[in-house]
């Protein structure tokens, strides 16, 4: 864009060195100054986005570390709860169902329970 503005400014100079105005009455120098201003603002924005990107990458790295720690903790807890050996998902579901279903107490079993104490 800068090259285009500079080329246009150079191409519009007359033989006597006078510059012809562009549409809207702006001279080549004014257009070039505007273009440079836009470039400076865009450069500042790129710098800001680069800084934010660096911060976000650091945040993601910290979160990845926290996730790894959580996974290690879960693995330790699984070994404690399930005894160190892996069980298949089907066996885990069966064990969970058995643990959830209560055994109904009958009147006879309640009376027998009181007598055995």
N, C-alpha and C. Protein backbone atom coordinates (compact mmCIF):
# COMPACT_ATOMS: atom_id res chain seq x y z
N UNK A 1 0.83 -1.18 0.00
CA UNK A 1 0.00 0.00 0.00
C UNK A 1 0.88 1.25 0.00
N UNK A 2 1.94 1.22 0.78
CA UNK A 2 2.84 2.36 0.84
C UNK A 2 3.49 2.58 -0.52
N UNK A 3 3.91 1.50 -1.19
CA UNK A 3 4.54 1.62 -2.50
C UNK A 3 3.56 2.23 -3.49
N UNK A 4 2.29 1.78 -3.44
CA UNK A 4 1.27 2.29 -4.34
C UNK A 4 1.08 3.79 -4.14
N UNK A 5 1.01 4.23 -2.87
CA UNK A 5 0.82 5.65 -2.59
C UNK A 5 2.02 6.47 -3.06
N UNK A 6 3.22 5.93 -2.84
CA UNK A 6 4.43 6.65 -3.27
C UNK A 6 4.51 6.72 -4.80
N UNK A 7 4.15 5.63 -5.47
CA UNK A 7 4.19 5.60 -6.93
C UNK A 7 3.16 6.57 -7.50
N UNK A 8 1.99 6.60 -6.89
CA UNK A 8 0.95 7.51 -7.36
C UNK A 8 1.39 8.96 -7.17
N UNK A 9 2.03 9.24 -6.05
CA UNK A 9 2.49 10.61 -5.80
C UNK A 9 3.56 11.01 -6.81
N UNK A 10 4.48 10.11 -7.10
CA UNK A 10 5.53 10.41 -8.06
C UNK A 10 4.99 10.51 -9.48
N UNK A 11 4.00 9.72 -9.82
CA UNK A 11 3.46 9.70 -11.18
C UNK A 11 2.60 10.92 -11.47
N UNK A 12 2.11 11.58 -10.46
CA UNK A 12 1.24 12.72 -10.69
C UNK A 12 1.97 14.05 -10.71
N UNK A 13 3.28 14.03 -10.52
CA UNK A 13 4.03 15.29 -10.56
C UNK A 13 4.14 15.75 -12.02
N UNK A 14 3.85 16.99 -12.21
CA UNK A 14 3.92 17.53 -13.56
C UNK A 14 5.35 17.87 -13.94
N UNK A 15 5.52 18.35 -15.15
CA UNK A 15 6.85 18.71 -15.64
C UNK A 15 7.42 19.87 -14.83
N UNK A 16 6.56 20.73 -14.34
CA UNK A 16 7.05 21.87 -13.56
C UNK A 16 7.18 21.55 -12.08
N UNK A 17 6.92 20.28 -11.68
CA UNK A 17 7.05 19.86 -10.28
C UNK A 17 5.78 20.05 -9.48
N UNK A 18 4.73 20.65 -10.10
CA UNK A 18 3.47 20.85 -9.38
C UNK A 18 2.74 19.52 -9.28
N UNK A 19 2.07 19.33 -8.20
CA UNK A 19 1.35 18.09 -7.97
C UNK A 19 -0.14 18.30 -8.24
N UNK A 20 -0.73 17.34 -8.94
CA UNK A 20 -2.15 17.42 -9.22
C UNK A 20 -2.91 16.81 -8.04
N UNK A 21 -4.00 17.40 -7.63
CA UNK A 21 -4.77 16.83 -6.50
C UNK A 21 -5.52 15.58 -6.94
N UNK A 22 -5.73 14.67 -5.97
CA UNK A 22 -6.52 13.47 -6.21
C UNK A 22 -7.98 13.82 -6.05
N UNK A 23 -8.82 12.84 -6.30
CA UNK A 23 -10.26 13.03 -6.13
C UNK A 23 -10.53 13.41 -4.68
N UNK A 24 -11.43 14.31 -4.46
CA UNK A 24 -11.74 14.77 -3.11
C UNK A 24 -10.83 15.91 -2.68
N UNK A 25 -9.92 16.33 -3.50
CA UNK A 25 -9.07 17.47 -3.20
C UNK A 25 -7.83 17.15 -2.39
N UNK A 26 -7.57 15.90 -2.06
CA UNK A 26 -6.39 15.55 -1.26
C UNK A 26 -5.19 15.41 -2.18
N UNK A 27 -4.07 15.96 -1.74
CA UNK A 27 -2.85 15.83 -2.53
C UNK A 27 -2.19 14.48 -2.24
N UNK A 28 -1.21 14.15 -3.03
CA UNK A 28 -0.49 12.90 -2.85
C UNK A 28 0.19 12.87 -1.48
N UNK A 29 0.71 14.00 -1.05
CA UNK A 29 1.37 14.06 0.26
C UNK A 29 0.37 13.78 1.39
N UNK A 30 -0.85 14.31 1.25
CA UNK A 30 -1.87 14.06 2.27
C UNK A 30 -2.27 12.59 2.29
N UNK A 31 -2.43 12.01 1.12
CA UNK A 31 -2.78 10.59 1.05
C UNK A 31 -1.66 9.72 1.62
N UNK A 32 -0.42 10.10 1.32
CA UNK A 32 0.71 9.36 1.84
C UNK A 32 0.77 9.48 3.37
N UNK A 33 0.50 10.66 3.88
CA UNK A 33 0.49 10.86 5.34
C UNK A 33 -0.61 10.02 5.98
N UNK A 34 -1.77 9.96 5.35
CA UNK A 34 -2.86 9.13 5.87
C UNK A 34 -2.48 7.65 5.84
N UNK A 35 -1.87 7.24 4.76
CA UNK A 35 -1.46 5.84 4.63
C UNK A 35 -0.43 5.49 5.71
N UNK A 36 0.52 6.39 5.95
CA UNK A 36 1.51 6.14 6.99
C UNK A 36 0.87 6.08 8.37
N UNK A 37 -0.12 6.92 8.60
CA UNK A 37 -0.84 6.91 9.87
C UNK A 37 -1.55 5.57 10.08
N UNK A 38 -2.20 5.09 9.03
CA UNK A 38 -2.89 3.80 9.11
C UNK A 38 -1.88 2.68 9.39
N UNK A 39 -0.74 2.73 8.72
CA UNK A 39 0.29 1.71 8.91
C UNK A 39 0.79 1.73 10.35
N UNK A 40 1.00 2.91 10.90
CA UNK A 40 1.47 3.02 12.29
C UNK A 40 0.43 2.45 13.26
N UNK A 41 -0.84 2.75 13.03
CA UNK A 41 -1.90 2.23 13.91
C UNK A 41 -1.99 0.71 13.79
N UNK A 42 -1.88 0.20 12.58
CA UNK A 42 -1.93 -1.24 12.38
C UNK A 42 -0.72 -1.92 13.03
N UNK A 43 0.42 -1.30 12.94
CA UNK A 43 1.63 -1.84 13.56
C UNK A 43 1.47 -1.91 15.09
N UNK A 44 0.89 -0.85 15.67
CA UNK A 44 0.64 -0.85 17.12
C UNK A 44 -0.34 -1.96 17.48
N UNK A 45 -1.35 -2.16 16.67
CA UNK A 45 -2.34 -3.21 16.93
C UNK A 45 -1.70 -4.59 16.82
N UNK A 46 -0.83 -4.79 15.85
CA UNK A 46 -0.13 -6.06 15.70
C UNK A 46 0.74 -6.32 16.94
N UNK A 47 1.41 -5.29 17.43
CA UNK A 47 2.22 -5.44 18.64
C UNK A 47 1.36 -5.85 19.83
N UNK A 48 0.20 -5.23 19.98
CA UNK A 48 -0.72 -5.56 21.08
C UNK A 48 -1.22 -6.99 20.95
N UNK A 49 -1.59 -7.39 19.76
CA UNK A 49 -2.07 -8.76 19.55
C UNK A 49 -0.96 -9.79 19.79
N UNK A 50 0.26 -9.45 19.44
CA UNK A 50 1.39 -10.34 19.69
C UNK A 50 1.60 -10.52 21.19
N UNK A 51 1.49 -9.43 21.94
CA UNK A 51 1.63 -9.49 23.40
C UNK A 51 0.52 -10.36 24.00
N UNK A 52 -0.71 -10.15 23.55
CA UNK A 52 -1.83 -10.95 24.05
C UNK A 52 -1.65 -12.43 23.70
N UNK A 53 -1.17 -12.71 22.52
CA UNK A 53 -0.93 -14.09 22.09
C UNK A 53 0.10 -14.75 23.00
N UNK A 54 1.15 -14.03 23.35
CA UNK A 54 2.18 -14.56 24.24
C UNK A 54 1.58 -14.88 25.61
N UNK A 55 0.75 -13.98 26.13
CA UNK A 55 0.10 -14.20 27.42
C UNK A 55 -0.81 -15.42 27.37
N UNK A 56 -1.58 -15.56 26.30
CA UNK A 56 -2.49 -16.69 26.16
C UNK A 56 -1.73 -18.01 26.05
N UNK A 57 -0.61 -18.01 25.36
CA UNK A 57 0.19 -19.23 25.26
C UNK A 57 0.73 -19.64 26.63
N UNK A 58 1.13 -18.66 27.44
CA UNK A 58 1.60 -18.96 28.79
C UNK A 58 0.46 -19.52 29.64
N UNK A 59 -0.73 -18.96 29.49
CA UNK A 59 -1.90 -19.44 30.22
C UNK A 59 -2.23 -20.89 29.83
N UNK A 60 -2.19 -21.18 28.56
CA UNK A 60 -2.47 -22.54 28.08
C UNK A 60 -1.43 -23.52 28.62
N UNK A 61 -0.18 -23.10 28.67
CA UNK A 61 0.87 -23.97 29.21
C UNK A 61 0.63 -24.26 30.69
N UNK A 62 0.24 -23.23 31.46
CA UNK A 62 -0.06 -23.45 32.88
C UNK A 62 -1.24 -24.39 33.05
N UNK A 63 -2.28 -24.20 32.24
CA UNK A 63 -3.46 -25.06 32.33
C UNK A 63 -3.13 -26.50 31.93
N UNK A 64 -2.26 -26.67 30.96
CA UNK A 64 -1.85 -28.02 30.56
C UNK A 64 -1.12 -28.71 31.72
N UNK A 65 -0.31 -27.95 32.44
CA UNK A 65 0.37 -28.51 33.61
C UNK A 65 -0.62 -28.90 34.69
N UNK A 66 -1.62 -28.06 34.93
CA UNK A 66 -2.64 -28.37 35.93
C UNK A 66 -3.44 -29.61 35.52
N UNK A 67 -3.74 -29.73 34.24
CA UNK A 67 -4.47 -30.89 33.75
C UNK A 67 -3.65 -32.17 33.93
N UNK A 68 -2.36 -32.09 33.67
CA UNK A 68 -1.50 -33.26 33.86
C UNK A 68 -1.48 -33.67 35.33
N UNK A 69 -1.40 -32.69 36.24
CA UNK A 69 -1.44 -33.01 37.67
C UNK A 69 -2.77 -33.65 38.06
N UNK A 70 -3.87 -33.13 37.53
CA UNK A 70 -5.19 -33.68 37.84
C UNK A 70 -5.29 -35.12 37.33
N UNK A 71 -4.78 -35.38 36.14
CA UNK A 71 -4.80 -36.74 35.60
C UNK A 71 -3.98 -37.69 36.45
N UNK A 72 -2.83 -37.23 36.95
CA UNK A 72 -2.01 -38.06 37.83
C UNK A 72 -2.75 -38.37 39.12
N UNK A 73 -3.41 -37.38 39.69
CA UNK A 73 -4.18 -37.57 40.92
C UNK A 73 -5.31 -38.57 40.69
N UNK A 74 -6.00 -38.44 39.59
CA UNK A 74 -7.09 -39.37 39.27
C UNK A 74 -6.55 -40.79 39.13
N UNK A 75 -5.40 -40.94 38.49
CA UNK A 75 -4.81 -42.27 38.33
C UNK A 75 -4.48 -42.88 39.69
N UNK A 76 -3.94 -42.08 40.60
CA UNK A 76 -3.62 -42.58 41.94
C UNK A 76 -4.91 -42.98 42.66
N UNK A 77 -5.93 -42.16 42.59
CA UNK A 77 -7.20 -42.47 43.25
C UNK A 77 -7.84 -43.72 42.65
N UNK A 78 -7.73 -43.89 41.35
CA UNK A 78 -8.27 -45.10 40.73
C UNK A 78 -7.55 -46.35 41.23
N UNK A 79 -6.23 -46.25 41.39
CA UNK A 79 -5.48 -47.40 41.91
C UNK A 79 -5.89 -47.70 43.35
N UNK A 80 -6.13 -46.65 44.13
CA UNK A 80 -6.56 -46.86 45.52
C UNK A 80 -7.94 -47.50 45.56
N UNK A 81 -8.88 -46.98 44.79
CA UNK A 81 -10.25 -47.47 44.82
C UNK A 81 -10.38 -48.84 44.17
N UNK A 82 -9.74 -49.05 43.06
CA UNK A 82 -9.93 -50.28 42.31
C UNK A 82 -8.80 -51.28 42.50
N UNK A 83 -7.92 -51.05 43.41
CA UNK A 83 -6.91 -52.04 43.77
C UNK A 83 -5.76 -52.21 42.80
N UNK A 84 -5.44 -51.24 42.04
CA UNK A 84 -4.24 -51.30 41.21
C UNK A 84 -4.39 -52.03 39.91
N UNK A 85 -5.32 -52.94 39.79
CA UNK A 85 -5.48 -53.61 38.50
C UNK A 85 -6.62 -52.96 37.73
N UNK A 86 -6.47 -52.98 36.46
CA UNK A 86 -7.49 -52.34 35.62
C UNK A 86 -8.67 -53.29 35.45
N UNK A 87 -9.84 -52.73 35.47
CA UNK A 87 -11.05 -53.50 35.19
C UNK A 87 -11.63 -52.99 33.89
N UNK A 88 -12.28 -53.88 33.21
CA UNK A 88 -12.91 -53.48 31.96
C UNK A 88 -14.10 -52.58 32.27
N UNK A 89 -14.48 -51.72 31.35
CA UNK A 89 -15.65 -50.86 31.59
C UNK A 89 -16.91 -51.66 31.88
N UNK A 90 -17.07 -52.82 31.26
CA UNK A 90 -18.26 -53.65 31.52
C UNK A 90 -18.26 -54.14 32.96
N UNK A 91 -17.11 -54.54 33.48
CA UNK A 91 -17.03 -55.00 34.87
C UNK A 91 -17.27 -53.84 35.82
N UNK A 92 -16.79 -52.66 35.47
CA UNK A 92 -17.02 -51.51 36.33
C UNK A 92 -18.51 -51.17 36.39
N UNK A 93 -19.19 -51.24 35.24
CA UNK A 93 -20.63 -50.96 35.22
C UNK A 93 -21.39 -51.98 36.05
N UNK A 94 -21.01 -53.24 35.92
CA UNK A 94 -21.68 -54.29 36.68
C UNK A 94 -21.46 -54.08 38.17
N UNK A 95 -20.24 -53.74 38.57
CA UNK A 95 -19.95 -53.50 39.98
C UNK A 95 -20.74 -52.31 40.49
N UNK A 96 -20.88 -51.27 39.68
CA UNK A 96 -21.62 -50.09 40.09
C UNK A 96 -23.10 -50.41 40.27
N UNK A 97 -23.66 -51.23 39.39
CA UNK A 97 -25.07 -51.59 39.48
C UNK A 97 -25.31 -52.41 40.73
N UNK A 98 -24.44 -53.35 41.01
CA UNK A 98 -24.60 -54.18 42.19
C UNK A 98 -24.53 -53.33 43.44
N UNK A 99 -23.66 -52.34 43.46
CA UNK A 99 -23.51 -51.49 44.64
C UNK A 99 -24.71 -50.57 44.81
N UNK A 100 -25.38 -50.21 43.75
CA UNK A 100 -26.48 -49.26 43.82
C UNK A 100 -27.79 -49.95 44.23
N UNK A 101 -28.01 -51.19 43.83
CA UNK A 101 -29.27 -51.88 44.08
C UNK A 101 -29.31 -52.32 45.54
N UNK A 102 -30.25 -51.81 46.34
CA UNK A 102 -30.32 -52.22 47.75
C UNK A 102 -31.01 -53.58 47.86
N UNK A 103 -30.63 -54.32 48.87
CA UNK A 103 -31.25 -55.61 49.14
C UNK A 103 -32.45 -55.33 50.03
N UNK A 104 -33.65 -55.70 49.58
CA UNK A 104 -34.83 -55.41 50.39
C UNK A 104 -34.85 -56.27 51.65
N UNK A 105 -35.19 -55.64 52.75
CA UNK A 105 -35.26 -56.36 54.03
C UNK A 105 -36.68 -56.88 54.21
N UNK A 106 -36.80 -58.11 54.61
CA UNK A 106 -38.12 -58.70 54.89
C UNK A 106 -38.34 -58.68 56.39
N UNK A 107 -39.55 -58.88 56.79
CA UNK A 107 -39.87 -58.88 58.22
C UNK A 107 -39.10 -59.98 58.92
N UNK A 108 -38.96 -61.13 58.30
CA UNK A 108 -38.24 -62.23 58.92
C UNK A 108 -36.76 -61.93 59.08
N UNK A 109 -36.14 -61.27 58.07
CA UNK A 109 -34.71 -60.98 58.17
C UNK A 109 -34.44 -59.91 59.22
N UNK A 110 -35.39 -58.98 59.38
CA UNK A 110 -35.21 -57.96 60.42
C UNK A 110 -35.28 -58.60 61.80
N UNK A 111 -36.21 -59.52 62.00
CA UNK A 111 -36.33 -60.19 63.29
C UNK A 111 -35.12 -61.07 63.56
N UNK A 112 -34.62 -61.73 62.53
CA UNK A 112 -33.45 -62.59 62.70
C UNK A 112 -32.22 -61.74 63.02
N UNK A 113 -32.17 -60.57 62.43
CA UNK A 113 -31.05 -59.67 62.68
C UNK A 113 -31.02 -59.20 64.11
N UNK A 114 -32.18 -58.97 64.68
CA UNK A 114 -32.24 -58.53 66.09
C UNK A 114 -31.85 -59.64 67.03
N UNK A 115 -32.22 -60.83 66.72
CA UNK A 115 -31.91 -61.97 67.60
C UNK A 115 -30.44 -62.30 67.60
N UNK A 116 -29.75 -62.11 66.47
CA UNK A 116 -28.34 -62.49 66.40
C UNK A 116 -27.43 -61.49 67.13
N UNK A 117 -27.91 -60.37 67.49
CA UNK A 117 -27.07 -59.37 68.16
C UNK A 117 -26.86 -59.66 69.56
